[in-house]
PDB file of all heavy atoms in Angstrom:
ATOM      1  N   VAL A   1     120.344  69.986 128.509  1.00  0.00           N
ATOM      2  CA  VAL A   1     119.915  69.054 127.461  1.00  0.00           C
ATOM      3  C   VAL A   1     119.025  68.016 128.125  1.00  0.00           C
ATOM      4  O   VAL A   1     119.376  67.437 129.148  1.00  0.00           O
ATOM      5  CB  VAL A   1     121.144  68.368 126.796  1.00  0.00           C
ATOM      6  CG1 VAL A   1     120.687  67.344 125.768  1.00  0.00           C
ATOM      7  CG2 VAL A   1     122.035  69.415 126.163  1.00  0.00           C
ATOM      8  N   SER A   2     117.859  67.790 127.531  1.00  0.00           N
ATOM      9  CA  SER A   2     116.895  66.841 128.060  1.00  0.00           C
ATOM     10  C   SER A   2     116.569  65.796 126.985  1.00  0.00           C
ATOM     11  O   SER A   2     116.095  66.153 125.914  1.00  0.00           O
ATOM     12  CB  SER A   2     115.616  67.553 128.488  1.00  0.00           C
ATOM     13  OG  SER A   2     114.659  66.641 128.950  1.00  0.00           O
ATOM     14  N   GLY A   3     116.887  64.557 127.288  1.00  0.00           N
ATOM     15  CA  GLY A   3     116.601  63.488 126.337  1.00  0.00           C
ATOM     16  C   GLY A   3     117.412  63.656 125.080  1.00  0.00           C
ATOM     17  O   GLY A   3     118.495  64.234 125.059  1.00  0.00           O
ATOM     18  N   ASP A   4     116.868  63.148 123.976  1.00  0.00           N
ATOM     19  CA  ASP A   4     117.556  63.172 122.704  1.00  0.00           C
ATOM     20  C   ASP A   4     117.284  64.387 121.854  1.00  0.00           C
ATOM     21  O   ASP A   4     117.942  64.599 120.837  1.00  0.00           O
ATOM     22  CB  ASP A   4     117.182  61.933 121.871  1.00  0.00           C
ATOM     23  CG  ASP A   4     117.701  60.651 122.497  1.00  0.00           C
ATOM     24  OD1 ASP A   4     118.696  60.679 123.244  1.00  0.00           O
ATOM     25  OD2 ASP A   4     117.073  59.585 122.254  1.00  0.00           O
ATOM     26  N   ASN A   5     116.275  65.198 122.281  1.00  0.00           N
ATOM     27  CA  ASN A   5     115.903  66.259 121.339  1.00  0.00           C
ATOM     28  C   ASN A   5     115.518  67.611 121.954  1.00  0.00           C
ATOM     29  O   ASN A   5     115.041  68.473 121.238  1.00  0.00           O
ATOM     30  CB  ASN A   5     114.749  65.771 120.464  1.00  0.00           C
ATOM     31  CG  ASN A   5     113.469  65.571 121.259  1.00  0.00           C
ATOM     32  OD1 ASN A   5     113.489  65.395 122.471  1.00  0.00           O
ATOM     33  ND2 ASN A   5     112.349  65.618 120.562  1.00  0.00           N
ATOM     34  N   MET A   6     115.724  67.804 123.256  1.00  0.00           N
ATOM     35  CA  MET A   6     115.330  69.078 123.876  1.00  0.00           C
ATOM     36  C   MET A   6     116.560  69.801 124.452  1.00  0.00           C
ATOM     37  O   MET A   6     117.395  69.161 125.081  1.00  0.00           O
ATOM     38  CB  MET A   6     114.310  68.847 124.993  1.00  0.00           C
ATOM     39  CG  MET A   6     112.998  68.225 124.550  1.00  0.00           C
ATOM     40  SD  MET A   6     112.026  69.196 123.406  1.00  0.00           S
ATOM     41  CE  MET A   6     111.543  70.562 124.427  1.00  0.00           C
ATOM     42  N   VAL A   7     116.585  71.115 124.258  1.00  0.00           N
ATOM     43  CA  VAL A   7     117.598  71.976 124.883  1.00  0.00           C
ATOM     44  C   VAL A   7     116.855  73.167 125.476  1.00  0.00           C
ATOM     45  O   VAL A   7     116.034  73.806 124.800  1.00  0.00           O
ATOM     46  CB  VAL A   7     118.652  72.427 123.856  1.00  0.00           C
ATOM     47  CG1 VAL A   7     119.642  73.386 124.516  1.00  0.00           C
ATOM     48  CG2 VAL A   7     119.391  71.249 123.253  1.00  0.00           C
ATOM     49  N   ILE A   8     117.177  73.455 126.742  1.00  0.00           N
ATOM     50  CA  ILE A   8     116.565  74.589 127.435  1.00  0.00           C
ATOM     51  C   ILE A   8     117.712  75.532 127.853  1.00  0.00           C
ATOM     52  O   ILE A   8     118.733  75.075 128.397  1.00  0.00           O
ATOM     53  CB  ILE A   8     115.788  74.113 128.678  1.00  0.00           C
ATOM     54  CG1 ILE A   8     114.654  73.183 128.224  1.00  0.00           C
ATOM     55  CG2 ILE A   8     115.228  75.282 129.467  1.00  0.00           C
ATOM     56  CD1 ILE A   8     114.542  71.924 129.005  1.00  0.00           C
ATOM     57  N   VAL A   9     117.518  76.804 127.597  1.00  0.00           N
ATOM     58  CA  VAL A   9     118.570  77.800 127.864  1.00  0.00           C
ATOM     59  C   VAL A   9     118.023  78.932 128.730  1.00  0.00           C
ATOM     60  O   VAL A   9     117.003  79.519 128.357  1.00  0.00           O
ATOM     61  CB  VAL A   9     119.139  78.364 126.542  1.00  0.00           C
ATOM     62  CG1 VAL A   9     120.292  79.322 126.816  1.00  0.00           C
ATOM     63  CG2 VAL A   9     119.571  77.263 125.586  1.00  0.00           C
ATOM     64  N   GLN A  10     118.729  79.217 129.830  1.00  0.00           N
ATOM     65  CA  GLN A  10     118.472  80.413 130.619  1.00  0.00           C
ATOM     66  C   GLN A  10     119.460  81.465 130.131  1.00  0.00           C
ATOM     67  O   GLN A  10     120.658  81.208 130.069  1.00  0.00           O
ATOM     68  CB  GLN A  10     118.690  80.143 132.098  1.00  0.00           C
ATOM     69  CG  GLN A  10     117.671  79.203 132.701  1.00  0.00           C
ATOM     70  CD  GLN A  10     118.024  78.904 134.148  1.00  0.00           C
ATOM     71  OE1 GLN A  10     119.111  78.401 134.420  1.00  0.00           O
ATOM     72  NE2 GLN A  10     117.109  79.191 135.048  1.00  0.00           N
ATOM     73  N   LEU A  11     118.948  82.629 129.795  1.00  0.00           N
ATOM     74  CA  LEU A  11     119.805  83.657 129.237  1.00  0.00           C
ATOM     75  C   LEU A  11     119.249  85.042 129.537  1.00  0.00           C
ATOM     76  O   LEU A  11     118.171  85.174 130.133  1.00  0.00           O
ATOM     77  CB  LEU A  11     119.962  83.475 127.728  1.00  0.00           C
ATOM     78  CG  LEU A  11     118.691  83.710 126.864  1.00  0.00           C
ATOM     79  CD1 LEU A  11     119.112  84.220 125.489  1.00  0.00           C
ATOM     80  CD2 LEU A  11     117.887  82.428 126.721  1.00  0.00           C
ATOM     81  N   ALA A  12     119.997  86.034 129.117  1.00  0.00           N
ATOM     82  CA  ALA A  12     119.515  87.429 129.200  1.00  0.00           C
ATOM     83  C   ALA A  12     119.668  88.032 127.793  1.00  0.00           C
ATOM     84  O   ALA A  12     120.627  87.752 127.087  1.00  0.00           O
ATOM     85  CB  ALA A  12     120.327  88.231 130.191  1.00  0.00           C
ATOM     86  N   LEU A  13     118.674  88.813 127.411  1.00  0.00           N
ATOM     87  CA  LEU A  13     118.733  89.602 126.184  1.00  0.00           C
ATOM     88  C   LEU A  13     119.244  90.988 126.573  1.00  0.00           C
ATOM     89  O   LEU A  13     118.643  91.651 127.421  1.00  0.00           O
ATOM     90  CB  LEU A  13     117.348  89.698 125.556  1.00  0.00           C
ATOM     91  CG  LEU A  13     116.679  88.374 125.203  1.00  0.00           C
ATOM     92  CD1 LEU A  13     115.254  88.617 124.703  1.00  0.00           C
ATOM     93  CD2 LEU A  13     117.489  87.575 124.228  1.00  0.00           C
ATOM     94  N   GLN A  14     120.336  91.399 125.940  1.00  0.00           N
ATOM     95  CA  GLN A  14     120.985  92.659 126.318  1.00  0.00           C
ATOM     96  C   GLN A  14     121.236  93.498 125.082  1.00  0.00           C
ATOM     97  O   GLN A  14     121.680  92.959 124.057  1.00  0.00           O
ATOM     98  CB  GLN A  14     122.321  92.376 127.041  1.00  0.00           C
ATOM     99  CG  GLN A  14     122.135  91.509 128.284  1.00  0.00           C
ATOM    100  CD  GLN A  14     123.445  91.013 128.827  1.00  0.00           C
ATOM    101  OE1 GLN A  14     124.419  90.830 128.112  1.00  0.00           O
ATOM    102  NE2 GLN A  14     123.473  90.743 130.137  1.00  0.00           N
ATOM    103  N   GLY A  15     121.007  94.792 125.177  1.00  0.00           N
ATOM    104  CA  GLY A  15     121.297  95.654 124.053  1.00  0.00           C
ATOM    105  C   GLY A  15     120.799  97.073 124.323  1.00  0.00           C
ATOM    106  O   GLY A  15     120.056  97.334 125.261  1.00  0.00           O
ATOM    107  N   THR A  16     121.213  97.977 123.430  1.00  0.00           N
ATOM    108  CA  THR A  16     120.849  99.379 123.490  1.00  0.00           C
ATOM    109  C   THR A  16     119.860  99.664 122.388  1.00  0.00           C
ATOM    110  O   THR A  16     120.104  99.351 121.219  1.00  0.00           O
ATOM    111  CB  THR A  16     122.083 100.289 123.353  1.00  0.00           C
ATOM    112  OG1 THR A  16     123.087  99.842 124.268  1.00  0.00           O
ATOM    113  CG2 THR A  16     121.733 101.739 123.619  1.00  0.00           C
ATOM    114  N   HIS A  17     118.739 100.268 122.727  1.00  0.00           N
ATOM    115  CA  HIS A  17     117.655 100.519 121.780  1.00  0.00           C
ATOM    116  C   HIS A  17     117.969 101.739 120.917  1.00  0.00           C
ATOM    117  O   HIS A  17     117.641 102.874 121.272  1.00  0.00           O
ATOM    118  CB  HIS A  17     116.351 100.712 122.581  1.00  0.00           C
ATOM    119  CG  HIS A  17     115.149 100.828 121.713  1.00  0.00           C
ATOM    120  ND1 HIS A  17     114.045 101.560 122.123  1.00  0.00           N
ATOM    121  CD2 HIS A  17     114.845 100.315 120.513  1.00  0.00           C
ATOM    122  CE1 HIS A  17     113.126 101.500 121.187  1.00  0.00           C
ATOM    123  NE2 HIS A  17     113.594 100.756 120.187  1.00  0.00           N
ATOM    124  N   LEU A  18     118.597 101.496 119.762  1.00  0.00           N
ATOM    125  CA  LEU A  18     119.055 102.583 118.891  1.00  0.00           C
ATOM    126  C   LEU A  18     118.303 102.648 117.573  1.00  0.00           C
ATOM    127  O   LEU A  18     118.514 103.553 116.781  1.00  0.00           O
ATOM    128  CB  LEU A  18     120.546 102.424 118.612  1.00  0.00           C
ATOM    129  CG  LEU A  18     121.449 102.483 119.840  1.00  0.00           C
ATOM    130  CD1 LEU A  18     122.903 102.224 119.456  1.00  0.00           C
ATOM    131  CD2 LEU A  18     121.299 103.814 120.570  1.00  0.00           C
ATOM    132  N   GLY A  19     117.410 101.687 117.327  1.00  0.00           N
ATOM    133  CA  GLY A  19     116.642 101.673 116.081  1.00  0.00           C
ATOM    134  C   GLY A  19     115.189 101.363 116.356  1.00  0.00           C
ATOM    135  O   GLY A  19     114.834 101.008 117.490  1.00  0.00           O
ATOM    136  N   PRO A  20     114.314 101.468 115.364  1.00  0.00           N
ATOM    137  CA  PRO A  20     112.909 101.168 115.588  1.00  0.00           C
ATOM    138  C   PRO A  20     112.713  99.708 115.951  1.00  0.00           C
ATOM    139  O   PRO A  20     113.314  98.817 115.345  1.00  0.00           O
ATOM    140  CB  PRO A  20     112.246 101.521 114.258  1.00  0.00           C
ATOM    141  CG  PRO A  20     113.343 101.488 113.255  1.00  0.00           C
ATOM    142  CD  PRO A  20     114.613 101.829 113.980  1.00  0.00           C
ATOM    143  N   LEU A  21     111.874  99.464 116.946  1.00  0.00           N
ATOM    144  CA  LEU A  21     111.523  98.109 117.377  1.00  0.00           C
ATOM    145  C   LEU A  21     110.107  97.811 116.887  1.00  0.00           C
ATOM    146  O   LEU A  21     109.128  98.368 117.391  1.00  0.00           O
ATOM    147  CB  LEU A  21     111.608  97.965 118.884  1.00  0.00           C
ATOM    148  CG  LEU A  21     111.148  96.615 119.474  1.00  0.00           C
ATOM    149  CD1 LEU A  21     111.966  95.470 118.901  1.00  0.00           C
ATOM    150  CD2 LEU A  21     111.261  96.659 121.004  1.00  0.00           C
ATOM    151  N   VAL A  22     110.010  96.980 115.884  1.00  0.00           N
ATOM    152  CA  VAL A  22     108.713  96.617 115.283  1.00  0.00           C
ATOM    153  C   VAL A  22     108.143  95.446 116.086  1.00  0.00           C
ATOM    154  O   VAL A  22     108.751  94.405 116.176  1.00  0.00           O
ATOM    155  CB  VAL A  22     108.874  96.239 113.799  1.00  0.00           C
ATOM    156  CG1 VAL A  22     107.545  95.839 113.199  1.00  0.00           C
ATOM    157  CG2 VAL A  22     109.494  97.396 113.007  1.00  0.00           C
ATOM    158  N   THR A  23     106.955  95.660 116.670  1.00  0.00           N
ATOM    159  CA  THR A  23     106.261  94.631 117.419  1.00  0.00           C
ATOM    160  C   THR A  23     104.948  94.329 116.699  1.00  0.00           C
ATOM    161  O   THR A  23     104.550  95.078 115.800  1.00  0.00           O
ATOM    162  CB  THR A  23     105.957  95.094 118.868  1.00  0.00           C
ATOM    163  OG1 THR A  23     104.890  96.031 118.841  1.00  0.00           O
ATOM    164  CG2 THR A  23     107.187  95.696 119.544  1.00  0.00           C
ATOM    165  N   PRO A  24     104.261  93.242 117.073  1.00  0.00           N
ATOM    166  CA  PRO A  24     102.995  92.947 116.406  1.00  0.00           C
ATOM    167  C   PRO A  24     101.930  94.035 116.576  1.00  0.00           C
ATOM    168  O   PRO A  24     101.013  94.139 115.782  1.00  0.00           O
ATOM    169  CB  PRO A  24     102.529  91.641 117.125  1.00  0.00           C
ATOM    170  CG  PRO A  24     103.777  91.008 117.595  1.00  0.00           C
ATOM    171  CD  PRO A  24     104.676  92.160 117.986  1.00  0.00           C
ATOM    172  N   ARG A  25     102.060  94.890 117.593  1.00  0.00           N
ATOM    173  CA  ARG A  25     101.038  95.917 117.848  1.00  0.00           C
ATOM    174  C   ARG A  25     101.463  97.325 117.443  1.00  0.00           C
ATOM    175  O   ARG A  25     100.617  98.143 117.151  1.00  0.00           O
ATOM    176  CB  ARG A  25     100.661  95.920 119.316  1.00  0.00           C
ATOM    177  CG  ARG A  25     100.035  94.616 119.738  1.00  0.00           C
ATOM    178  CD  ARG A  25      99.309  94.779 121.057  1.00  0.00           C
ATOM    179  NE  ARG A  25      98.820  93.527 121.547  1.00  0.00           N
ATOM    180  CZ  ARG A  25      97.605  93.094 121.356  1.00  0.00           C
ATOM    181  NH1 ARG A  25      96.746  93.794 120.684  1.00  0.00           N
ATOM    182  NH2 ARG A  25      97.211  91.923 121.844  1.00  0.00           N
ATOM    183  N   ALA A  26     102.765  97.606 117.479  1.00  0.00           N
ATOM    184  CA  ALA A  26     103.236  98.969 117.192  1.00  0.00           C
ATOM    185  C   ALA A  26     104.714  98.958 116.949  1.00  0.00           C
ATOM    186  O   ALA A  26     105.399  98.000 117.272  1.00  0.00           O
ATOM    187  CB  ALA A  26     102.888  99.896 118.351  1.00  0.00           C
ATOM    188  N   THR A  27     105.219 100.062 116.403  1.00  0.00           N
ATOM    189  CA  THR A  27     106.638 100.275 116.269  1.00  0.00           C
ATOM    190  C   THR A  27     107.086 101.248 117.355  1.00  0.00           C
ATOM    191  O   THR A  27     106.487 102.327 117.478  1.00  0.00           O
ATOM    192  CB  THR A  27     106.994 100.825 114.868  1.00  0.00           C
ATOM    193  OG1 THR A  27     106.617  99.848 113.893  1.00  0.00           O
ATOM    194  CG2 THR A  27     108.484 101.110 114.761  1.00  0.00           C
ATOM    195  N   ILE A  28     108.091 100.839 118.106  1.00  0.00           N
ATOM    196  CA  ILE A  28     108.606 101.685 119.187  1.00  0.00           C
ATOM    197  C   ILE A  28     109.843 102.387 118.700  1.00  0.00           C
ATOM    198  O   ILE A  28     110.828 101.744 118.318  1.00  0.00           O
ATOM    199  CB  ILE A  28     108.896 100.805 120.432  1.00  0.00           C
ATOM    200  CG1 ILE A  28     107.613 100.105 120.871  1.00  0.00           C
ATOM    201  CG2 ILE A  28     109.482 101.653 121.551  1.00  0.00           C
ATOM    202  CD1 ILE A  28     107.835  98.976 121.863  1.00  0.00           C
ATOM    203  N   LEU A  29     109.783 103.710 118.681  1.00  0.00           N
ATOM    204  CA  LEU A  29     110.923 104.507 118.225  1.00  0.00           C
ATOM    205  C   LEU A  29     112.095 104.371 119.202  1.00  0.00           C
ATOM    206  O   LEU A  29     111.895 104.114 120.391  1.00  0.00           O
ATOM    207  CB  LEU A  29     110.510 105.956 118.050  1.00  0.00           C
ATOM    208  CG  LEU A  29     109.407 106.185 117.001  1.00  0.00           C
ATOM    209  CD1 LEU A  29     109.032 107.660 116.950  1.00  0.00           C
ATOM    210  CD2 LEU A  29     109.863 105.689 115.629  1.00  0.00           C
ATOM    211  N   PRO A  30     113.330 104.551 118.702  1.00  0.00           N
ATOM    212  CA  PRO A  30     114.505 104.377 119.562  1.00  0.00           C
ATOM    213  C   PRO A  30     114.453 105.254 120.806  1.00  0.00           C
ATOM    214  O   PRO A  30     114.095 106.436 120.750  1.00  0.00           O
ATOM    215  CB  PRO A  30     115.669 104.801 118.660  1.00  0.00           C
ATOM    216  CG  PRO A  30     115.150 104.749 117.271  1.00  0.00           C
ATOM    217  CD  PRO A  30     113.663 104.962 117.350  1.00  0.00           C
ATOM    218  N   THR A  31     114.810 104.647 121.928  1.00  0.00           N
ATOM    219  CA  THR A  31     114.827 105.382 123.209  1.00  0.00           C
ATOM    220  C   THR A  31     116.262 105.665 123.682  1.00  0.00           C
ATOM    221  O   THR A  31     116.451 106.473 124.580  1.00  0.00           O
ATOM    222  CB  THR A  31     114.113 104.566 124.303  1.00  0.00           C
ATOM    223  OG1 THR A  31     114.846 103.348 124.503  1.00  0.00           O
ATOM    224  CG2 THR A  31     112.676 104.276 123.931  1.00  0.00           C
ATOM    225  N   GLY A  32     117.221 104.942 123.121  1.00  0.00           N
ATOM    226  CA  GLY A  32     118.603 105.067 123.569  1.00  0.00           C
ATOM    227  C   GLY A  32     118.895 104.375 124.882  1.00  0.00           C
ATOM    228  O   GLY A  32     120.006 104.433 125.398  1.00  0.00           O
ATOM    229  N   LYS A  33     117.881 103.667 125.399  1.00  0.00           N
ATOM    230  CA  LYS A  33     118.041 102.994 126.701  1.00  0.00           C
ATOM    231  C   LYS A  33     118.503 101.550 126.512  1.00  0.00           C
ATOM    232  O   LYS A  33     118.248 100.945 125.480  1.00  0.00           O
ATOM    233  CB  LYS A  33     116.730 103.029 127.483  1.00  0.00           C
ATOM    234  CG  LYS A  33     116.310 104.440 127.828  1.00  0.00           C
ATOM    235  CD  LYS A  33     115.056 104.473 128.628  1.00  0.00           C
ATOM    236  CE  LYS A  33     114.727 105.935 128.976  1.00  0.00           C
ATOM    237  NZ  LYS A  33     113.543 106.006 129.784  1.00  0.00           N
ATOM    238  N   ARG A  34     119.161 101.031 127.552  1.00  0.00           N
ATOM    239  CA  ARG A  34     119.638  99.641 127.556  1.00  0.00           C
ATOM    240  C   ARG A  34     118.576  98.736 128.111  1.00  0.00           C
ATOM    241  O   ARG A  34     117.819  99.107 128.999  1.00  0.00           O
ATOM    242  CB  ARG A  34     120.904  99.477 128.387  1.00  0.00           C
ATOM    243  CG  ARG A  34     122.070 100.163 127.755  1.00  0.00           C
ATOM    244  CD  ARG A  34     123.368  99.447 127.639  1.00  0.00           C
ATOM    245  NE  ARG A  34     123.510  98.085 127.983  1.00  0.00           N
ATOM    246  CZ  ARG A  34     123.741  97.107 127.084  1.00  0.00           C
ATOM    247  NH1 ARG A  34     123.778  97.365 125.801  1.00  0.00           N
ATOM    248  NH2 ARG A  34     123.928  95.868 127.487  1.00  0.00           N
ATOM    249  N   MET A  35     118.568  97.532 127.582  1.00  0.00           N
ATOM    250  CA  MET A  35     117.741  96.466 128.163  1.00  0.00           C
ATOM    251  C   MET A  35     118.663  95.334 128.597  1.00  0.00           C
ATOM    252  O   MET A  35     119.733  95.115 128.017  1.00  0.00           O
ATOM    253  CB  MET A  35     116.686  95.953 127.193  1.00  0.00           C
ATOM    254  CG  MET A  35     117.255  95.098 126.102  1.00  0.00           C
ATOM    255  SD  MET A  35     116.010  93.929 125.516  1.00  0.00           S
ATOM    256  CE  MET A  35     116.891  93.266 124.104  1.00  0.00           C
ATOM    257  N   ASP A  36     118.259  94.687 129.642  1.00  0.00           N
ATOM    258  CA  ASP A  36     118.954  93.490 130.169  1.00  0.00           C
ATOM    259  C   ASP A  36     117.827  92.655 130.788  1.00  0.00           C
ATOM    260  O   ASP A  36     117.500  92.819 131.950  1.00  0.00           O
ATOM    261  CB  ASP A  36     120.005  93.876 131.182  1.00  0.00           C
ATOM    262  CG  ASP A  36     120.834  92.685 131.658  1.00  0.00           C
ATOM    263  OD1 ASP A  36     120.438  91.520 131.348  1.00  0.00           O
ATOM    264  OD2 ASP A  36     121.851  92.888 132.333  1.00  0.00           O
TER     265      ASP A  36
END
């Protein structure tokens, strides 16, 4: 927490790619692979 109005978080995004991933450029079909 910084000052009265800022919060900074270090984290990891984790999950298994089981559905279509819609991005601004393309849709990525499920790969079944994990991301971390």
